[in-house]
Amino acid sequence: MRVKVNISGIVQGVGFRPFIYNVAEKYGLAGYVQNKGDAGVEILLEGSAWKIEKFMEYLIAKKPLQARIDKIKKTELSGQKEFRSFTIYKSSTEKKNPGSIIPPDIAICKNCLAELRDPTNPRFNYFFITCIDCGPRFTIIERLPYDRENTTMNKFSLCSFCQEEYETPSNRRFHAQTVACSTCGPKAYLTTNTGETVQTIDPVRMAGKLLSEGKILAIKGYGGFHIASSTTLNEPLRRLRQTKHRKEKPFAIMAKNLETAKSIGIINSKEQKLLISPQRPIVLLNKNSNYDFSPLIVPGLHNVGVMLPYSGLHYMLFDEVDDTSFVMTSANPPNQPIVKDNNTAVEILGHTVDYFLFHNREIAHRCDDSVMRVHGIHQVFIRRSRGYTPVPIRLKHNSKRCIVCLGGELNNTSTILFEDKAFISQHIGDIENIETQTFLQEATQHLQHLTNTRANVIACDLHPKFSTTRLAKEIAEADRLPLVQIQHHHAHAAALMAEHGLDDIIAITCDGYGYGLDGKAWGGEILYTKNMSTDFNRLAHLECQLLLGGDIASRFPLRIVAAMLFKTGIDVTNWLKQKSDLLVYGKLEANLINDQLKKGMVEPQTTSCGRVLDAISALLGVCTVRSYEGEPAIKLESTAINGKDVLKLKPRINDNTLQTSYLIKEVFENLGKVSTADLAYSAHAYLAKGLASLAIEQAQKKGTKNVGFSGGASCNQILSKTIREVVEAADLQFIVHNLVPAGDGGVSFGQAVVASNYKY
């Protein structure tokens, strides 16, 4: 019997060909296995029917750990047998079947880590030790098929030792494209901040010592540079904040091991599983009683981002120091992508760091760390990137067209939807300058190349002035493709519905900003959408509030407070005078705000949940100036985490609108009477119960059991927990994101879902 088998999915870069070879040998089959230029694998088998059947059963049941089989096409062939043995054929550049993909970068495996520590092993102390089960993939691939010559490993010729392992079927480095050792592989080296080489026989461990002594280092990893420093010394952290112009934004910590992580934060079983997973994301952990690091790491927050080492280099940093953790934050200038190239690093980061720990393997594609948190037993993506990109999200229905979506403006990602697979790019960032826009274009084009897809439709946000909107229009016009613009919160709702394969949903969509159908700033919405419709119903929302000064009010939320209080009939003259020292222009600005309110300014307005949380935060004195995205609301959650709902405010709902002016007046009148923590929690409880009540009422009217929560505010633990309790008490199903970022990183995915249902 002769059979040709074509397999698509994640089947390159995961040891699939060596696996197939050994299974064919196990069952005495002849033929070949070959990587194809479309990221798929082709197998030809010759042998008895029952042996081929057993081969196929074993293939499906015992496939490599990181492999994912999406489709198997089996074709019987006529003619005589041509092969006497089974062979791994040289890869082909032929592209027939779009939709396959290479795997993401994954952490060093236990076997490689054991060899790294074994003095008798030839790869003892080799900082980039890998095998077929671990190491970089996505960040080193330049073109398909996934072979060494098509990656940034192409500059490193195998030595005889590595070559022998590469060619030995019983070895776990059999056809491992990243195989290398200290003789033939990439080299690490240490330099000063001007790029001058520091002479040392052990640059990695020397870097660890320098960190322990209080130096700041830029360390090159898989997908870009980190900036690293001590977790216990204030001076380097203070200097780092000054030079990076990062006054308050939290830094992440890399812990030496799980035991160290447990000494930093409270870790439940789900968080532990994420920390030690091959993906190695940053996990936001609530600080425990033993947390005694510098307050400059996460100013004003109750939680801290922690990750474990994911390469041999990271493990070796801790070998000869007493430190069991280091600050490890993405190395990027303000509002620009993470730095990935050595020369660029010296140019851009030289004034920030004291030393560089380089290696001489190029990074083909930058990729930030993924960031997650856990609500009870539910994982929440803050940022989906390294370890997860470009693994696709599988949908319930096939799209008839290939949709390329450019997302929103903040925390951007792009998405390619092909058939039933949505490929979400790595984290791009805020599209505020040409550098991040270029990164978005390059990342999207690379994703199209890897998936062997070609766009039929371009989709983007509804906002007419977003950079992503302008870019989408340019691409659509140049390639003569239809352009679809999707309302921001509709995209959030569709993403939630599609991720869970639902037919309809009442979606609570809360965030900082989204351009509404009426041209106003939305951000606290109750939407209904059905059957992946291209339309939606806005059924309820938060009360509209004045954004005094427009965008400036989101950076200085005392302006929002003044407008909200004034709306309730409170004379804010004296209050503004008292707060004038917190305003940029002091008393002059306070007087101007007062005059504008008395003259009856009514535009621009917003229903944003984020802006209400910002206002409460500013009113309570928790955070009066936003220095990073979401800061006032994030710090308000940290303040509320140990509070109680002492106000027990009953939600005031008029005409399907939750009254937030009432909330701020109650908080204002209880200042000094109730603790700040309790007021912060009471505000969360009011918003959560009010939004849940609106959603439940609309769900009952529409006859659906599905109520979901999406948008950046759904990352808030208190809001999510309280809404869940109220919704489930009403015997409804509460839906949250599990695989897709809850914030704007998931907007491109939602755009793809909606755009795929348009009639063109």
Foldseek 3Di string as FASTA:
>chain_A
DKKKKKWFAAQALQCNQLVLQVLCVVLVWAWEWAQEQLNIIMTMTDDDPVSVVVSVVCCVPPPGPQTDTDDMDMDDDDDDDDTDHYYYDYYYNDDDDFAHFHAFAFFADPVQLVLCCDPVHQQPVFFFAHFSHHGGDVFFAQGDDPALCRGLFVVFDADPVQVVLCCDSVHRRPRNRQHDGPVTGWDKFKDFLLRHTDDDPRHLQVLLVCQVVFFWEWEADQFFTWIKHAQADVVLLVLLCVVLVPQAAAFAKEFLDVVRVVLFAPDDPLNVCQQPGRQFFFEWGFGDPNHDTDCSRHPLFRTHTYHYDRTSSRNSSPVPDPDRMMGIGFDDHPQADGHFDDVVCSVPCSVNGGMYTDIPRGGRHHADGWYWYDQPNFIFTQFDTGSHAFRWQFWPFFFPFWEWEFFFFAQTWIWTGHTRTIGIFHGQGGNDDPRSVVSRVVRSVVVCSRSVHDGQEYEYAPDPPHPRNVVSVVVCVVVVHHYYHAWQQLLLLLLQCGSVVHFKEFEFFAEAFTQDPVRATEGGFTKIDGRLALDIDTQAFADKFAQVPPPVCVFFVCLRLVRLQVVVVDQCLVVLLVCQVVDPNRPVVSVVSNVCVVVPDDDDIYRHPLSLQLNLLVLLVQDRGDPDPSVSNSSLLRLQVPAAQPVPDDFDADSRYTYSSVLSVVLNVCVVVDDSNHNSLNSLLRSLVNSLVSSLVVCVVVVAQHYEYAAPCCSRNSSVVNSCVSSVVSVGDYTYDRSAHRHSSSSNVSRVSNVSPDDD
